């Protein structure tokens, strides 16, 4: 019985509200046509917009460093106070080269969630993740970037994507669909604020002991 009580106490002490949430990030560019020269435009909501040197574009681009890049932002307000166990960023590169190249994803404070043109990654950031990508489906681990953003109490996480030496992209313009790149951020988290306090654990142990005593009295009475 003592072992059972100890197991209950330990189980309660380790339990936190855990879960997995997935953020779907579609093309949120609101300009007509494939590109826009108006780089003063900003875009709201969780999602991404592609960029050329001096233009917005409807694509998810990971191309040679002087060509197209991508900006994204995610509303991470629901993760405030959470412990981030893992954060996986997945996407599909459906157009262009199918070979492998090095891609870089840089995380930064997304501010108020008003995505603004930045062909280069912001100088103030949470670091970068380098990973090999190729044509088709890809997944990158950005746990450290998201953890830093949550720890800084950001409401939005900004992400800057850049390729290295290949032309790889996914069209998201009219006729292809804003979610064609399948860009998603899947987060495994635990709400550490819900771990029982010592006093609560003590009450649980007392309750378990009382229940055990009551059961013994019932058996003796029988």
Protein backbone atom coordinates (compact mmCIF):
# COMPACT_ATOMS: atom_id res chain seq x y z
CA UNK A 1 0.00 0.00 0.00
CA UNK A 2 2.85 2.38 0.85
CA UNK A 3 4.32 1.75 -2.60
CA UNK A 4 0.96 2.54 -4.18
CA UNK A 5 0.66 5.79 -2.23
CA UNK A 6 4.21 6.77 -3.17
CA UNK A 7 3.45 6.05 -6.83
CA UNK A 8 0.33 8.22 -6.69
CA UNK A 9 2.25 11.10 -5.13
CA UNK A 10 5.07 10.84 -7.65
CA UNK A 11 2.61 10.61 -10.51
CA UNK A 12 0.80 13.74 -9.37
CA UNK A 13 4.06 15.62 -8.88
CA UNK A 14 5.19 14.85 -12.41
CA UNK A 15 1.90 15.45 -14.16
CA UNK A 16 1.58 18.71 -16.02
CA UNK A 17 -0.97 19.65 -18.60
CA UNK A 18 0.81 18.44 -21.71
CA UNK A 19 -0.26 18.60 -25.28
CA UNK A 20 0.62 18.98 -28.91
CA UNK A 21 -0.54 21.92 -31.02
CA UNK A 22 -0.02 22.56 -34.71
CA UNK A 23 0.10 26.01 -36.27
CA UNK A 24 -0.79 26.05 -39.97
CA UNK A 25 1.07 28.79 -41.82
CA UNK A 26 -0.40 29.72 -45.18
CA UNK A 27 0.59 32.44 -47.63
CA UNK A 28 -0.93 35.61 -46.12
CA UNK A 29 0.11 38.03 -48.87
CA UNK A 30 -2.90 40.11 -49.87
CA UNK A 31 -1.51 41.69 -53.06
CA UNK A 32 -2.90 40.85 -56.49
CA UNK A 33 -0.74 39.08 -59.03
CA UNK A 34 2.41 37.12 -58.37
CA UNK A 35 4.63 39.93 -57.04
CA UNK A 36 4.31 43.39 -55.50
CA UNK A 37 6.90 46.16 -55.61
CA UNK A 38 5.27 47.84 -52.62
CA UNK A 39 7.56 46.62 -49.87
CA UNK A 40 5.93 49.03 -47.42
CA UNK A 41 2.96 46.65 -47.25
CA UNK A 42 2.60 44.63 -44.08
CA UNK A 43 0.54 41.49 -43.46
CA UNK A 44 -1.26 40.32 -40.35
CA UNK A 45 -1.88 36.87 -38.92
CA UNK A 46 0.02 33.61 -38.66
CA UNK A 47 1.55 32.72 -42.00
CA UNK A 48 4.27 33.58 -44.51
CA UNK A 49 5.07 35.69 -47.55
CA UNK A 50 7.87 35.13 -50.06
CA UNK A 51 10.37 37.81 -51.09
CA UNK A 52 12.67 38.70 -53.93
CA UNK A 53 15.34 41.39 -53.45
CA UNK A 54 12.91 44.28 -53.75
CA UNK A 55 9.52 42.58 -54.03
CA UNK A 56 7.00 40.54 -52.14
CA UNK A 57 6.02 37.31 -53.91
CA UNK A 58 3.45 34.55 -53.59
CA UNK A 59 5.87 31.69 -53.03
CA UNK A 60 7.62 29.79 -50.30
CA UNK A 61 11.17 30.35 -51.52
CA UNK A 62 14.41 28.75 -50.37
CA UNK A 63 16.68 29.68 -53.22
CA UNK A 64 20.28 30.78 -53.74
CA UNK A 65 21.10 33.45 -51.21
CA UNK A 66 20.79 36.37 -53.63
CA UNK A 67 17.39 35.30 -55.01
CA UNK A 68 14.19 34.45 -53.11
CA UNK A 69 13.67 34.11 -49.38
CA UNK A 70 10.66 33.78 -47.10
CA UNK A 71 9.34 35.51 -43.98
CA UNK A 72 6.86 33.94 -41.58
CA UNK A 73 5.25 34.76 -38.26
CA UNK A 74 3.37 32.66 -35.72
CA UNK A 75 1.01 33.78 -32.98
CA UNK A 76 2.52 31.94 -30.00
CA UNK A 77 0.42 33.63 -27.32
CA UNK A 78 -1.18 30.29 -26.40
CA UNK A 79 2.25 28.95 -25.42
CA UNK A 80 2.91 31.57 -22.75
CA UNK A 81 4.15 29.90 -19.57
CA UNK A 82 4.57 26.55 -21.28
CA UNK A 83 7.63 24.33 -21.31
CA UNK A 84 8.56 23.62 -24.93
CA UNK A 85 9.55 19.98 -25.36
CA UNK A 86 9.93 20.11 -29.13
CA UNK A 87 9.06 22.33 -32.10
CA UNK A 88 9.17 20.88 -35.59
CA UNK A 89 8.78 23.02 -38.68
CA UNK A 90 7.60 21.11 -41.75
CA UNK A 91 7.11 22.26 -45.34
CA UNK A 92 7.14 21.05 -48.93
CA UNK A 93 9.40 22.29 -51.73
CA UNK A 94 7.45 21.33 -54.83
CA UNK A 95 9.07 23.38 -57.59
CA UNK A 96 12.62 23.74 -58.88
CA UNK A 97 15.64 21.57 -58.04
CA UNK A 98 15.14 18.30 -56.22
CA UNK A 99 18.70 17.90 -54.90
CA UNK A 100 19.87 18.88 -51.41
CA UNK A 101 21.05 22.23 -50.14
CA UNK A 102 21.69 23.93 -46.83
CA UNK A 103 18.85 26.09 -45.54
CA UNK A 104 18.95 28.57 -42.68
CA UNK A 105 16.01 29.52 -40.46
CA UNK A 106 16.47 32.49 -38.13
CA UNK A 107 14.08 33.22 -35.26
CA UNK A 108 13.25 36.69 -33.96
CA UNK A 109 10.67 38.63 -31.97
CA UNK A 110 7.67 39.05 -34.24
CA UNK A 111 6.51 42.15 -32.38
CA UNK A 112 2.82 42.82 -32.83
CA UNK A 113 2.36 40.26 -35.59
CA UNK A 114 2.54 42.76 -38.44
CA UNK A 115 4.86 41.06 -40.93
CA UNK A 116 7.12 43.62 -42.64
CA UNK A 117 9.62 43.24 -45.48
CA UNK A 118 13.06 41.98 -44.38
CA UNK A 119 15.07 40.41 -47.17
CA UNK A 120 17.88 39.80 -44.68
CA UNK A 121 17.28 38.20 -41.30
CA UNK A 122 16.88 40.81 -38.53
CA UNK A 123 20.16 41.55 -36.77
CA UNK A 124 18.53 41.13 -33.36
CA UNK A 125 17.45 37.52 -33.24
CA UNK A 126 17.40 34.25 -31.29
CA UNK A 127 19.95 32.54 -33.49
CA UNK A 128 19.62 30.29 -36.51
CA UNK A 129 19.06 26.64 -37.37
CA UNK A 130 20.96 25.18 -40.31
CA UNK A 131 19.62 22.03 -41.94
CA UNK A 132 19.73 20.14 -45.22
CA UNK A 133 16.58 20.35 -47.33
CA UNK A 134 15.62 18.85 -50.67
CA UNK A 135 12.73 18.76 -53.10
CA UNK A 136 9.59 17.34 -51.49
CA UNK A 137 8.68 17.17 -47.79
CA UNK A 138 11.09 18.53 -45.16
CA UNK A 139 11.16 18.95 -41.40
CA UNK A 140 13.42 21.16 -39.26
CA UNK A 141 13.85 21.20 -35.50
CA UNK A 142 13.48 24.79 -34.24
CA UNK A 143 12.94 23.95 -30.56
CA UNK A 144 15.69 26.32 -29.39
CA UNK A 145 14.28 29.24 -31.40
CA UNK A 146 10.75 28.80 -30.08
CA UNK A 147 11.96 28.21 -26.51
CA UNK A 148 13.89 31.49 -26.59
CA UNK A 149 10.88 33.38 -27.96
CA UNK A 150 8.51 31.95 -25.33
CA UNK A 151 11.05 32.70 -22.57
CA UNK A 152 11.18 36.31 -23.78
CA UNK A 153 7.37 36.52 -23.47
CA UNK A 154 6.95 37.23 -27.18
CA UNK A 155 3.42 37.27 -28.54
CA UNK A 156 4.69 36.38 -32.01
CA UNK A 157 7.63 34.36 -33.28
CA UNK A 158 9.17 35.63 -36.51
CA UNK A 159 11.01 33.27 -38.86
CA UNK A 160 13.32 34.11 -41.76
CA UNK A 161 14.07 31.38 -44.34
CA UNK A 162 17.04 31.38 -46.66
CA UNK A 163 18.51 28.81 -49.06
CA UNK A 164 22.13 28.53 -50.17
CA UNK A 165 22.96 27.24 -53.67
CA UNK A 166 19.85 25.77 -55.35
CA UNK A 167 16.60 27.09 -56.79
CA UNK A 168 13.86 25.49 -54.67
CA UNK A 169 10.44 26.96 -54.03
CA UNK A 170 6.72 26.31 -53.89
CA UNK A 171 4.30 28.53 -55.80
CA UNK A 172 1.40 29.79 -53.69
CA UNK A 173 -0.05 32.26 -56.14
CA UNK A 174 -3.57 32.13 -57.59
CA UNK A 175 -4.33 28.70 -59.01
CA UNK A 176 -1.95 26.88 -56.68
CA UNK A 177 -3.47 27.60 -53.26
CA UNK A 178 -2.19 29.53 -50.25
CA UNK A 179 -1.45 26.33 -48.29
CA UNK A 180 0.38 24.49 -51.06
CA UNK A 181 3.73 24.68 -49.21
CA UNK A 182 2.21 22.77 -46.25
CA UNK A 183 4.14 24.99 -43.84
CA UNK A 184 3.34 23.92 -40.28
CA UNK A 185 4.83 24.33 -36.83
CA UNK A 186 4.07 21.39 -34.52
CA UNK A 187 4.80 22.02 -30.85
CA UNK A 188 4.94 19.49 -28.01
CA UNK A 189 4.58 21.36 -24.72
CA UNK A 190 3.88 21.01 -21.01
CA UNK A 191 2.20 23.57 -18.78
CA UNK A 192 4.63 23.64 -15.87
CA UNK A 193 2.46 26.07 -13.92
CA UNK A 194 0.00 23.25 -13.27
CA UNK A 195 2.44 21.01 -11.39
CA UNK A 196 0.97 20.50 -7.88
CA UNK A 197 2.60 22.48 -5.08
CA UNK A 198 4.14 20.63 -2.07
CA UNK A 199 1.10 21.42 0.09
CA UNK A 200 -1.19 19.90 -2.52
CA UNK A 201 0.98 16.80 -2.71
CA UNK A 202 0.83 16.49 1.07
CA UNK A 203 -2.96 16.64 1.02
CA UNK A 204 -3.02 13.98 -1.68
CA UNK A 205 -0.83 11.71 0.44
CA UNK A 206 -3.02 12.25 3.53
CA UNK A 207 -6.12 11.48 1.50
CA UNK A 208 -4.58 8.29 0.14
CA UNK A 209 -3.61 7.18 3.64
CA UNK A 210 -7.11 7.88 4.96
CA UNK A 211 -8.61 5.86 2.11
CA UNK A 212 -6.30 2.95 2.86
CA UNK A 213 -7.20 3.08 6.58
CA UNK A 214 -10.90 3.11 5.79
CA UNK A 215 -10.51 0.05 3.59
CA UNK A 216 -8.67 -1.81 6.37
CA UNK A 217 -11.44 -1.02 8.87
CA UNK A 218 -14.06 -2.25 6.42
CA UNK A 219 -12.23 -5.54 5.95
CA UNK A 220 -11.82 -6.03 9.74
CA UNK A 221 -15.50 -5.22 10.36
CA UNK A 222 -16.52 -7.86 7.85
